[in-house]
């Protein structure tokens, strides 16, 4: 007879990124680099759901240039920072302790790379269960600061974002190009 554990619930995150497409790309890349929560037949599945609507709006594009070419009302740039990760796993040949440890490793690694706002996940095994929550913002506080906040810290996601030129929001490589073309002062 096989032993089974089950992981079910939701993790609310706010991935880094300047645009909606960049946020999604960074979120998917981070998820692809997290450790597996495993079973002998299938691993835990993760479903990405972007919250409806938007919670950020700007008249500037990702380079902080005023523009009316956005996706929102009057050409503003509207983005949604909040994503829900639905986690679901019916994991065969696993003991509760193994699955709990693997899920915690997965969650902690995620929390170091992007803000984890809320967690509501149940891990169940034979005669044992635990509800994992973000009590006292324990997972939120694991976020590793980006170098733009702390020069001695680097967030894992920084390699996925462009390097800004000094005294500009433009990518360093574009400033170099525009200088060569005489379009940048």
N, C-alpha and C. Protein backbone atom coordinates (compact mmCIF):
# COMPACT_ATOMS: atom_id res chain seq x y z
N UNK A 1 0.84 -1.18 0.00
CA UNK A 1 0.00 0.00 0.00
C UNK A 1 0.88 1.25 0.00
N UNK A 2 0.54 2.22 -0.82
CA UNK A 2 1.31 3.46 -0.95
C UNK A 2 0.94 4.46 0.13
N UNK A 3 1.91 5.29 0.47
CA UNK A 3 1.62 6.42 1.35
C UNK A 3 1.48 7.67 0.47
N UNK A 4 0.58 8.53 0.86
CA UNK A 4 0.30 9.73 0.08
C UNK A 4 0.38 10.95 0.98
N UNK A 5 0.82 12.06 0.41
CA UNK A 5 0.66 13.36 1.05
C UNK A 5 0.00 14.29 0.05
N UNK A 6 -0.61 15.33 0.57
CA UNK A 6 -1.37 16.25 -0.27
C UNK A 6 -0.98 17.69 0.09
N UNK A 7 -0.81 18.50 -0.94
CA UNK A 7 -0.50 19.92 -0.78
C UNK A 7 -1.56 20.68 -1.56
N UNK A 8 -2.27 21.57 -0.86
CA UNK A 8 -3.32 22.34 -1.53
C UNK A 8 -3.39 23.73 -0.92
N UNK A 9 -3.49 24.75 -1.78
CA UNK A 9 -3.66 26.09 -1.25
C UNK A 9 -3.22 27.18 -2.20
N UNK A 10 -2.94 28.35 -1.62
CA UNK A 10 -2.68 29.55 -2.40
C UNK A 10 -1.54 30.34 -1.77
N UNK A 11 -0.69 30.89 -2.65
CA UNK A 11 0.38 31.80 -2.24
C UNK A 11 0.21 33.07 -3.06
N UNK A 12 0.12 34.21 -2.39
CA UNK A 12 -0.03 35.50 -3.07
C UNK A 12 1.34 36.16 -3.16
N UNK A 13 1.74 36.54 -4.37
CA UNK A 13 3.06 37.13 -4.60
C UNK A 13 2.95 38.41 -5.42
N UNK A 14 4.01 39.22 -5.38
CA UNK A 14 4.11 40.42 -6.20
C UNK A 14 5.49 40.41 -6.88
N UNK A 15 5.59 39.82 -8.05
CA UNK A 15 6.89 39.72 -8.72
C UNK A 15 7.45 41.08 -9.11
N UNK A 16 8.77 41.14 -9.19
CA UNK A 16 9.44 42.35 -9.64
C UNK A 16 9.21 42.53 -11.13
N UNK A 17 9.39 43.75 -11.61
CA UNK A 17 9.26 44.02 -13.04
C UNK A 17 8.64 45.38 -13.29
N UNK A 18 8.98 45.97 -14.44
CA UNK A 18 8.48 47.29 -14.80
C UNK A 18 7.16 47.22 -15.57
N UNK A 19 6.98 46.15 -16.34
CA UNK A 19 5.78 46.01 -17.17
C UNK A 19 5.06 44.72 -16.79
N UNK A 20 3.82 44.57 -17.25
CA UNK A 20 3.07 43.34 -16.96
C UNK A 20 3.78 42.13 -17.55
N UNK A 21 4.27 42.27 -18.76
CA UNK A 21 4.96 41.15 -19.41
C UNK A 21 6.24 40.78 -18.64
N UNK A 22 6.96 41.78 -18.17
CA UNK A 22 8.19 41.50 -17.42
C UNK A 22 7.88 40.84 -16.08
N UNK A 23 6.83 41.27 -15.41
CA UNK A 23 6.43 40.65 -14.14
C UNK A 23 6.12 39.16 -14.35
N UNK A 24 5.37 38.86 -15.40
CA UNK A 24 5.00 37.47 -15.68
C UNK A 24 6.24 36.64 -16.03
N UNK A 25 7.13 37.20 -16.84
CA UNK A 25 8.36 36.52 -17.22
C UNK A 25 9.22 36.22 -15.99
N UNK A 26 9.38 37.20 -15.11
CA UNK A 26 10.18 37.00 -13.91
C UNK A 26 9.53 35.96 -13.01
N UNK A 27 8.21 36.03 -12.83
CA UNK A 27 7.50 35.05 -12.01
C UNK A 27 7.70 33.63 -12.56
N UNK A 28 7.49 33.46 -13.85
CA UNK A 28 7.65 32.13 -14.45
C UNK A 28 9.08 31.63 -14.36
N UNK A 29 10.05 32.52 -14.55
CA UNK A 29 11.45 32.12 -14.46
C UNK A 29 11.80 31.69 -13.05
N UNK A 30 11.34 32.45 -12.05
CA UNK A 30 11.59 32.07 -10.66
C UNK A 30 10.99 30.71 -10.38
N UNK A 31 9.74 30.50 -10.76
CA UNK A 31 9.07 29.22 -10.51
C UNK A 31 9.82 28.06 -11.17
N UNK A 32 10.36 28.29 -12.36
CA UNK A 32 11.09 27.24 -13.07
C UNK A 32 12.41 26.88 -12.40
N UNK A 33 12.89 27.73 -11.50
CA UNK A 33 14.16 27.48 -10.82
C UNK A 33 13.99 27.07 -9.36
N UNK A 34 12.76 26.86 -8.91
CA UNK A 34 12.54 26.44 -7.53
C UNK A 34 12.65 24.92 -7.42
N UNK A 35 12.99 24.43 -6.22
CA UNK A 35 13.07 22.98 -6.03
C UNK A 35 11.69 22.33 -6.17
N UNK A 36 11.67 21.08 -6.55
CA UNK A 36 10.42 20.35 -6.71
C UNK A 36 9.86 19.92 -5.35
N UNK A 37 8.55 19.90 -5.27
CA UNK A 37 7.85 19.23 -4.17
C UNK A 37 7.35 17.95 -4.82
N UNK A 38 7.97 16.83 -4.46
CA UNK A 38 7.91 15.65 -5.31
C UNK A 38 7.06 14.51 -4.78
N UNK A 39 6.63 13.70 -5.72
CA UNK A 39 5.98 12.42 -5.47
C UNK A 39 6.51 11.44 -6.49
N UNK A 40 6.28 10.16 -6.29
CA UNK A 40 6.83 9.17 -7.21
C UNK A 40 6.15 9.19 -8.58
N UNK A 41 4.91 9.65 -8.65
CA UNK A 41 4.21 9.71 -9.93
C UNK A 41 4.19 11.13 -10.50
N UNK A 42 3.85 12.12 -9.69
CA UNK A 42 3.76 13.51 -10.12
C UNK A 42 4.29 14.42 -9.02
N UNK A 43 4.82 15.56 -9.44
CA UNK A 43 5.25 16.59 -8.49
C UNK A 43 4.10 17.57 -8.28
N UNK A 44 4.26 18.44 -7.29
CA UNK A 44 3.27 19.49 -7.03
C UNK A 44 3.14 20.37 -8.27
N UNK A 45 1.93 20.71 -8.61
CA UNK A 45 1.64 21.60 -9.75
C UNK A 45 1.42 23.02 -9.22
N UNK A 46 1.78 24.01 -10.05
CA UNK A 46 1.60 25.41 -9.70
C UNK A 46 0.84 26.08 -10.83
N UNK A 47 -0.25 26.72 -10.50
CA UNK A 47 -1.08 27.43 -11.47
C UNK A 47 -0.98 28.92 -11.17
N UNK A 48 -0.66 29.72 -12.18
CA UNK A 48 -0.49 31.17 -12.02
C UNK A 48 -1.77 31.87 -12.40
N UNK A 49 -2.28 32.71 -11.50
CA UNK A 49 -3.49 33.50 -11.77
C UNK A 49 -3.17 34.96 -11.48
N UNK A 50 -3.28 35.80 -12.49
CA UNK A 50 -3.09 37.24 -12.30
C UNK A 50 -4.38 37.83 -11.75
N UNK A 51 -4.27 38.61 -10.69
CA UNK A 51 -5.45 39.25 -10.12
C UNK A 51 -6.08 40.15 -11.19
N UNK A 52 -7.38 40.22 -11.20
CA UNK A 52 -8.12 41.01 -12.17
C UNK A 52 -7.87 42.50 -11.95
N UNK A 53 -7.94 43.26 -13.01
CA UNK A 53 -7.82 44.71 -12.91
C UNK A 53 -6.37 45.15 -12.80
N UNK A 54 -6.18 46.34 -12.22
CA UNK A 54 -4.84 46.87 -12.07
C UNK A 54 -4.74 47.57 -10.72
N UNK A 55 -3.51 47.62 -10.19
CA UNK A 55 -3.30 48.34 -8.94
C UNK A 55 -2.18 49.36 -9.05
N UNK A 56 -1.66 49.54 -10.26
CA UNK A 56 -0.66 50.59 -10.54
C UNK A 56 -1.04 51.25 -11.86
N UNK A 57 -0.89 52.57 -11.88
CA UNK A 57 -1.18 53.31 -13.09
C UNK A 57 -0.20 54.47 -13.19
N UNK A 58 0.31 54.71 -14.40
CA UNK A 58 1.29 55.78 -14.58
C UNK A 58 1.15 56.37 -15.97
N UNK A 59 1.47 57.65 -16.08
CA UNK A 59 1.50 58.29 -17.40
C UNK A 59 2.87 58.13 -18.04
N UNK A 60 3.77 57.41 -17.36
CA UNK A 60 5.12 57.17 -17.87
C UNK A 60 5.28 55.69 -18.23
N UNK A 61 6.11 55.44 -19.22
CA UNK A 61 6.41 54.06 -19.59
C UNK A 61 7.47 53.48 -18.66
N UNK A 62 7.95 52.28 -18.97
CA UNK A 62 8.93 51.62 -18.10
C UNK A 62 10.27 52.34 -18.03
N UNK A 63 10.51 53.30 -18.95
CA UNK A 63 11.74 54.09 -18.92
C UNK A 63 11.52 55.44 -18.26
N UNK A 64 10.34 55.63 -17.64
CA UNK A 64 9.93 56.87 -16.99
C UNK A 64 9.84 58.03 -17.99
N UNK A 65 9.45 57.68 -19.22
CA UNK A 65 9.22 58.68 -20.27
C UNK A 65 7.72 58.93 -20.36
N UNK A 66 7.30 60.19 -20.32
CA UNK A 66 5.88 60.51 -20.44
C UNK A 66 5.38 60.05 -21.81
N UNK A 67 4.22 59.38 -21.79
CA UNK A 67 3.67 58.82 -23.01
C UNK A 67 2.17 58.59 -22.82
N UNK A 68 1.44 58.57 -23.91
CA UNK A 68 0.03 58.22 -23.86
C UNK A 68 -0.22 56.94 -24.64
N UNK A 69 0.78 56.07 -24.71
CA UNK A 69 0.69 54.84 -25.50
C UNK A 69 0.42 53.62 -24.64
N UNK A 70 -0.04 53.82 -23.42
CA UNK A 70 -0.30 52.70 -22.53
C UNK A 70 -1.58 51.96 -22.85
N UNK A 71 -1.91 50.99 -22.02
CA UNK A 71 -3.06 50.12 -22.24
C UNK A 71 -4.32 50.59 -21.52
N UNK A 72 -4.23 51.67 -20.76
CA UNK A 72 -5.36 52.08 -19.93
C UNK A 72 -6.07 53.31 -20.44
N UNK A 73 -6.96 53.80 -19.59
CA UNK A 73 -7.72 55.00 -19.89
C UNK A 73 -6.78 56.16 -20.17
N UNK A 74 -7.05 56.93 -21.20
CA UNK A 74 -6.25 58.09 -21.58
C UNK A 74 -4.79 57.72 -21.88
N UNK A 75 -4.53 56.48 -22.22
CA UNK A 75 -3.19 56.06 -22.58
C UNK A 75 -2.26 55.82 -21.41
N UNK A 76 -2.81 55.72 -20.20
CA UNK A 76 -1.95 55.46 -19.04
C UNK A 76 -1.48 54.00 -19.05
N UNK A 77 -0.42 53.74 -18.35
CA UNK A 77 0.14 52.40 -18.26
C UNK A 77 -0.39 51.75 -16.98
N UNK A 78 -1.22 50.74 -17.14
CA UNK A 78 -1.84 50.07 -16.00
C UNK A 78 -1.24 48.67 -15.84
N UNK A 79 -0.84 48.35 -14.63
CA UNK A 79 -0.29 47.03 -14.35
C UNK A 79 -0.91 46.46 -13.08
N UNK A 80 -0.92 45.16 -13.01
CA UNK A 80 -1.37 44.44 -11.83
C UNK A 80 -0.15 43.77 -11.21
N UNK A 81 0.15 44.12 -9.98
CA UNK A 81 1.32 43.56 -9.29
C UNK A 81 1.03 42.23 -8.62
N UNK A 82 -0.24 41.90 -8.39
CA UNK A 82 -0.60 40.74 -7.58
C UNK A 82 -0.91 39.52 -8.44
N UNK A 83 -0.28 38.41 -8.06
CA UNK A 83 -0.53 37.11 -8.67
C UNK A 83 -0.82 36.11 -7.57
N UNK A 84 -1.70 35.16 -7.88
CA UNK A 84 -1.99 34.07 -6.96
C UNK A 84 -1.40 32.79 -7.55
N UNK A 85 -0.65 32.08 -6.74
CA UNK A 85 -0.12 30.78 -7.14
C UNK A 85 -0.95 29.72 -6.45
N UNK A 86 -1.70 28.97 -7.23
CA UNK A 86 -2.44 27.85 -6.67
C UNK A 86 -1.52 26.64 -6.71
N UNK A 87 -1.33 26.03 -5.56
CA UNK A 87 -0.47 24.84 -5.48
C UNK A 87 -1.35 23.64 -5.23
N UNK A 88 -1.03 22.55 -5.92
CA UNK A 88 -1.88 21.36 -5.85
C UNK A 88 -1.01 20.13 -6.08
N UNK A 89 -1.01 19.25 -5.11
CA UNK A 89 -0.23 18.04 -5.27
C UNK A 89 -0.82 16.88 -4.50
N UNK A 90 -1.03 15.77 -5.17
CA UNK A 90 -1.36 14.50 -4.55
C UNK A 90 -0.12 13.63 -4.80
N UNK A 91 0.70 13.53 -3.77
CA UNK A 91 2.06 13.01 -3.92
C UNK A 91 2.18 11.60 -3.37
N UNK A 92 2.46 10.68 -4.25
CA UNK A 92 2.53 9.26 -3.89
C UNK A 92 3.92 8.90 -3.35
N UNK A 93 3.92 7.94 -2.43
CA UNK A 93 5.15 7.42 -1.82
C UNK A 93 5.92 8.50 -1.07
N UNK A 94 5.19 9.35 -0.38
CA UNK A 94 5.80 10.43 0.40
C UNK A 94 5.25 10.41 1.81
N UNK A 95 6.12 10.68 2.77
CA UNK A 95 5.71 10.85 4.16
C UNK A 95 5.44 12.32 4.40
N UNK A 96 4.58 12.62 5.35
CA UNK A 96 4.22 14.00 5.67
C UNK A 96 5.46 14.85 5.89
N UNK A 97 6.40 14.38 6.69
CA UNK A 97 7.60 15.16 7.04
C UNK A 97 8.41 15.53 5.80
N UNK A 98 8.52 14.59 4.84
CA UNK A 98 9.27 14.86 3.61
C UNK A 98 8.60 15.97 2.80
N UNK A 99 7.29 15.83 2.64
CA UNK A 99 6.56 16.82 1.85
C UNK A 99 6.56 18.18 2.52
N UNK A 100 6.37 18.20 3.83
CA UNK A 100 6.37 19.47 4.56
C UNK A 100 7.72 20.17 4.39
N UNK A 101 8.79 19.43 4.53
CA UNK A 101 10.14 20.00 4.39
C UNK A 101 10.38 20.50 2.97
N UNK A 102 9.98 19.72 1.96
CA UNK A 102 10.15 20.15 0.57
C UNK A 102 9.33 21.40 0.26
N UNK A 103 8.09 21.45 0.78
CA UNK A 103 7.27 22.63 0.52
C UNK A 103 7.86 23.87 1.20
N UNK A 104 8.34 23.73 2.41
CA UNK A 104 8.96 24.86 3.11
C UNK A 104 10.19 25.35 2.35
N UNK A 105 10.99 24.44 1.82
CA UNK A 105 12.16 24.83 1.04
C UNK A 105 11.73 25.60 -0.21
N UNK A 106 10.68 25.09 -0.88
CA UNK A 106 10.14 25.76 -2.07
C UNK A 106 9.66 27.17 -1.72
N UNK A 107 8.88 27.28 -0.65
CA UNK A 107 8.29 28.56 -0.25
C UNK A 107 9.36 29.55 0.20
N UNK A 108 10.32 29.11 0.97
CA UNK A 108 11.38 30.01 1.43
C UNK A 108 12.22 30.53 0.27
N UNK A 109 12.53 29.66 -0.68
CA UNK A 109 13.28 30.10 -1.85
C UNK A 109 12.48 31.12 -2.65
N UNK A 110 11.18 30.88 -2.82
CA UNK A 110 10.31 31.84 -3.50
C UNK A 110 10.31 33.18 -2.76
N UNK A 111 10.19 33.14 -1.44
CA UNK A 111 10.10 34.36 -0.62
C UNK A 111 11.38 35.18 -0.66
N UNK A 112 12.51 34.56 -0.89
CA UNK A 112 13.77 35.31 -1.01
C UNK A 112 13.81 36.09 -2.31
N UNK A 113 13.11 35.59 -3.33
CA UNK A 113 13.22 36.16 -4.66
C UNK A 113 12.15 37.18 -5.01
N UNK A 114 10.99 37.10 -4.35
CA UNK A 114 9.93 38.08 -4.62
C UNK A 114 9.04 38.19 -3.39
N UNK A 115 8.37 39.33 -3.23
CA UNK A 115 7.51 39.49 -2.05
C UNK A 115 6.39 38.45 -2.01
N UNK A 116 6.32 37.72 -0.91
CA UNK A 116 5.21 36.80 -0.64
C UNK A 116 4.29 37.55 0.32
N UNK A 117 3.09 37.84 -0.13
CA UNK A 117 2.16 38.66 0.63
C UNK A 117 1.32 37.81 1.58
N UNK A 118 0.83 36.69 1.09
CA UNK A 118 -0.01 35.84 1.92
C UNK A 118 0.21 34.38 1.53
N UNK A 119 -0.03 33.50 2.49
CA UNK A 119 0.09 32.06 2.28
C UNK A 119 -1.06 31.39 3.00
N UNK A 120 -1.70 30.47 2.31
CA UNK A 120 -2.74 29.64 2.91
C UNK A 120 -2.67 28.28 2.24
N UNK A 121 -1.78 27.42 2.76
CA UNK A 121 -1.52 26.11 2.15
C UNK A 121 -1.61 25.04 3.23
N UNK A 122 -2.31 23.96 2.90
CA UNK A 122 -2.40 22.83 3.81
C UNK A 122 -1.56 21.67 3.25
N UNK A 123 -0.74 21.11 4.13
CA UNK A 123 0.00 19.89 3.80
C UNK A 123 -0.60 18.79 4.68
N UNK A 124 -1.06 17.70 4.03
CA UNK A 124 -1.71 16.60 4.76
C UNK A 124 -1.06 15.28 4.41
N UNK A 125 -0.96 14.46 5.43
CA UNK A 125 -0.52 13.08 5.26
C UNK A 125 -1.39 12.19 6.11
N UNK A 126 -1.03 10.93 6.23
CA UNK A 126 -1.79 10.00 7.04
C UNK A 126 -1.74 10.44 8.50
N UNK A 127 -2.88 10.78 9.07
CA UNK A 127 -3.01 11.17 10.49
C UNK A 127 -2.23 12.42 10.88
N UNK A 128 -1.85 13.26 9.90
CA UNK A 128 -1.09 14.46 10.23
C UNK A 128 -1.41 15.54 9.19
N UNK A 129 -1.57 16.78 9.67
CA UNK A 129 -1.83 17.90 8.77
C UNK A 129 -1.26 19.18 9.37
N UNK A 130 -0.90 20.11 8.49
CA UNK A 130 -0.42 21.42 8.95
C UNK A 130 -0.91 22.48 7.98
N UNK A 131 -1.36 23.60 8.54
CA UNK A 131 -1.76 24.75 7.73
C UNK A 131 -0.62 25.76 7.79
N UNK A 132 -0.12 26.14 6.64
CA UNK A 132 0.99 27.09 6.56
C UNK A 132 0.41 28.46 6.22
N UNK A 133 0.71 29.44 7.07
CA UNK A 133 0.24 30.82 6.89
C UNK A 133 1.44 31.76 6.97
N UNK A 134 1.24 32.98 6.61
CA UNK A 134 2.30 33.99 6.66
C UNK A 134 2.20 34.77 7.98
N UNK A 135 2.30 34.06 9.09
CA UNK A 135 2.16 34.68 10.41
C UNK A 135 3.28 35.69 10.62
N UNK A 136 2.91 36.86 11.11
CA UNK A 136 3.87 37.93 11.40
C UNK A 136 4.76 38.27 10.19
N UNK A 137 4.22 38.05 9.00
CA UNK A 137 4.95 38.34 7.75
C UNK A 137 6.29 37.62 7.67
N UNK A 138 6.35 36.42 8.23
CA UNK A 138 7.62 35.68 8.24
C UNK A 138 8.17 35.43 6.85
N UNK A 139 7.30 35.16 5.88
CA UNK A 139 7.76 34.92 4.52
C UNK A 139 8.00 36.25 3.79
N UNK A 140 7.16 37.23 4.04
CA UNK A 140 7.35 38.56 3.44
C UNK A 140 8.72 39.11 3.81
N UNK A 141 9.12 38.91 5.05
CA UNK A 141 10.38 39.46 5.54
C UNK A 141 11.62 38.72 5.04
N UNK A 142 11.45 37.63 4.33
CA UNK A 142 12.60 36.89 3.78
C UNK A 142 13.15 37.49 2.50
N UNK A 143 12.41 38.42 1.90
CA UNK A 143 12.83 38.99 0.61
C UNK A 143 14.23 39.57 0.70
N UNK A 144 15.08 39.16 -0.23
CA UNK A 144 16.42 39.73 -0.33
C UNK A 144 16.31 41.03 -1.11
N UNK A 145 16.80 42.11 -0.50
CA UNK A 145 16.71 43.43 -1.10
C UNK A 145 17.49 43.48 -2.40
N UNK A 146 17.00 44.29 -3.33
CA UNK A 146 17.71 44.51 -4.58
C UNK A 146 18.84 45.50 -4.37
N UNK A 147 19.79 45.52 -5.28
CA UNK A 147 20.95 46.41 -5.16
C UNK A 147 20.54 47.88 -5.22
N UNK A 148 19.36 48.18 -5.75
CA UNK A 148 18.90 49.56 -5.79
C UNK A 148 18.46 50.03 -4.40
N UNK A 149 18.18 49.11 -3.47
CA UNK A 149 17.86 49.46 -2.08
C UNK A 149 19.08 49.37 -1.18
N UNK A 150 19.91 48.38 -1.42
CA UNK A 150 21.07 48.11 -0.57
C UNK A 150 22.20 47.67 -1.47
N UNK A 151 23.24 48.51 -1.59
CA UNK A 151 24.34 48.21 -2.51
C UNK A 151 25.09 46.93 -2.16
N UNK A 152 24.94 46.45 -0.93
CA UNK A 152 25.61 45.22 -0.51
C UNK A 152 24.74 43.98 -0.69
N UNK A 153 23.55 44.15 -1.27
CA UNK A 153 22.61 43.04 -1.45
C UNK A 153 22.25 42.93 -2.93
N UNK A 154 21.99 41.72 -3.37
CA UNK A 154 21.54 41.50 -4.74
C UNK A 154 20.39 40.50 -4.70
N UNK A 155 19.27 40.86 -5.28
CA UNK A 155 18.14 39.93 -5.39
C UNK A 155 18.38 39.02 -6.59
N UNK A 156 18.02 37.76 -6.45
CA UNK A 156 18.21 36.76 -7.50
C UNK A 156 17.62 37.22 -8.83
N UNK A 157 16.52 37.94 -8.79
CA UNK A 157 15.80 38.35 -10.01
C UNK A 157 16.49 39.47 -10.78
N UNK A 158 17.49 40.10 -10.20
CA UNK A 158 18.12 41.24 -10.86
C UNK A 158 18.71 40.89 -12.22
N UNK A 159 19.20 39.67 -12.39
CA UNK A 159 19.79 39.31 -13.68
C UNK A 159 18.73 39.29 -14.78
N UNK A 160 17.46 39.23 -14.41
CA UNK A 160 16.38 39.20 -15.40
C UNK A 160 15.93 40.61 -15.81
N UNK A 161 16.41 41.61 -15.10
CA UNK A 161 16.01 42.99 -15.37
C UNK A 161 17.19 43.75 -15.98
N UNK A 162 16.90 44.78 -16.77
CA UNK A 162 17.98 45.52 -17.40
C UNK A 162 18.73 46.36 -16.37
N UNK A 163 19.98 46.63 -16.70
CA UNK A 163 20.81 47.47 -15.87
C UNK A 163 20.56 48.92 -16.26
N UNK A 164 20.15 49.73 -15.29
CA UNK A 164 19.86 51.12 -15.59
C UNK A 164 21.15 51.93 -15.69
N UNK A 165 21.13 52.87 -16.62
CA UNK A 165 22.26 53.78 -16.77
C UNK A 165 22.30 54.72 -15.57
N UNK A 166 23.47 55.23 -15.29
CA UNK A 166 23.61 56.17 -14.18
C UNK A 166 22.79 57.42 -14.45
N UNK A 167 22.05 57.87 -13.46
CA UNK A 167 21.19 59.06 -13.53
C UNK A 167 20.11 58.96 -14.61
N UNK A 168 19.64 57.75 -14.88
CA UNK A 168 18.61 57.56 -15.89
C UNK A 168 17.82 56.30 -15.57
N UNK A 169 16.59 56.24 -16.08
CA UNK A 169 15.81 55.01 -15.97
C UNK A 169 16.00 54.13 -17.20
N UNK A 170 16.66 54.67 -18.21
CA UNK A 170 16.90 53.91 -19.43
C UNK A 170 17.91 52.79 -19.19
N UNK A 171 17.78 51.69 -19.92
CA UNK A 171 18.80 50.66 -19.83
C UNK A 171 20.16 51.20 -20.27
N UNK A 172 21.19 50.77 -19.60
CA UNK A 172 22.55 51.21 -19.88
C UNK A 172 22.90 51.05 -21.35
N UNK A 173 22.50 49.94 -21.94
CA UNK A 173 22.84 49.64 -23.33
C UNK A 173 22.16 50.62 -24.29
N UNK A 174 20.94 51.09 -23.97
CA UNK A 174 20.27 52.08 -24.84
C UNK A 174 20.93 53.44 -24.73
N UNK A 175 21.36 53.82 -23.53
CA UNK A 175 22.05 55.10 -23.36
C UNK A 175 23.33 55.10 -24.20
N UNK A 176 24.07 53.99 -24.18
CA UNK A 176 25.28 53.89 -25.01
C UNK A 176 24.94 54.06 -26.49
N UNK A 177 23.88 53.39 -26.93
CA UNK A 177 23.45 53.48 -28.34
C UNK A 177 23.07 54.91 -28.69
N UNK A 178 22.24 55.55 -27.84
CA UNK A 178 21.77 56.90 -28.13
C UNK A 178 22.92 57.91 -28.10
N UNK A 179 23.90 57.71 -27.25
CA UNK A 179 25.07 58.60 -27.21
C UNK A 179 25.84 58.52 -28.52
N UNK A 180 26.02 57.29 -29.03
CA UNK A 180 26.74 57.10 -30.30
C UNK A 180 25.99 57.76 -31.45
N UNK A 181 24.66 57.76 -31.37
CA UNK A 181 23.84 58.35 -32.44
C UNK A 181 23.61 59.84 -32.22
N UNK A 182 24.16 60.39 -31.12
CA UNK A 182 23.99 61.81 -30.82
C UNK A 182 22.60 62.18 -30.34
N UNK A 183 21.82 61.20 -29.85
CA UNK A 183 20.44 61.44 -29.40
C UNK A 183 20.34 61.53 -27.88
N UNK A 184 21.45 61.48 -27.17
CA UNK A 184 21.40 61.49 -25.69
C UNK A 184 22.45 62.45 -25.17
N UNK A 185 22.02 63.26 -24.21
CA UNK A 185 22.94 64.26 -23.65
C UNK A 185 23.53 63.77 -22.37
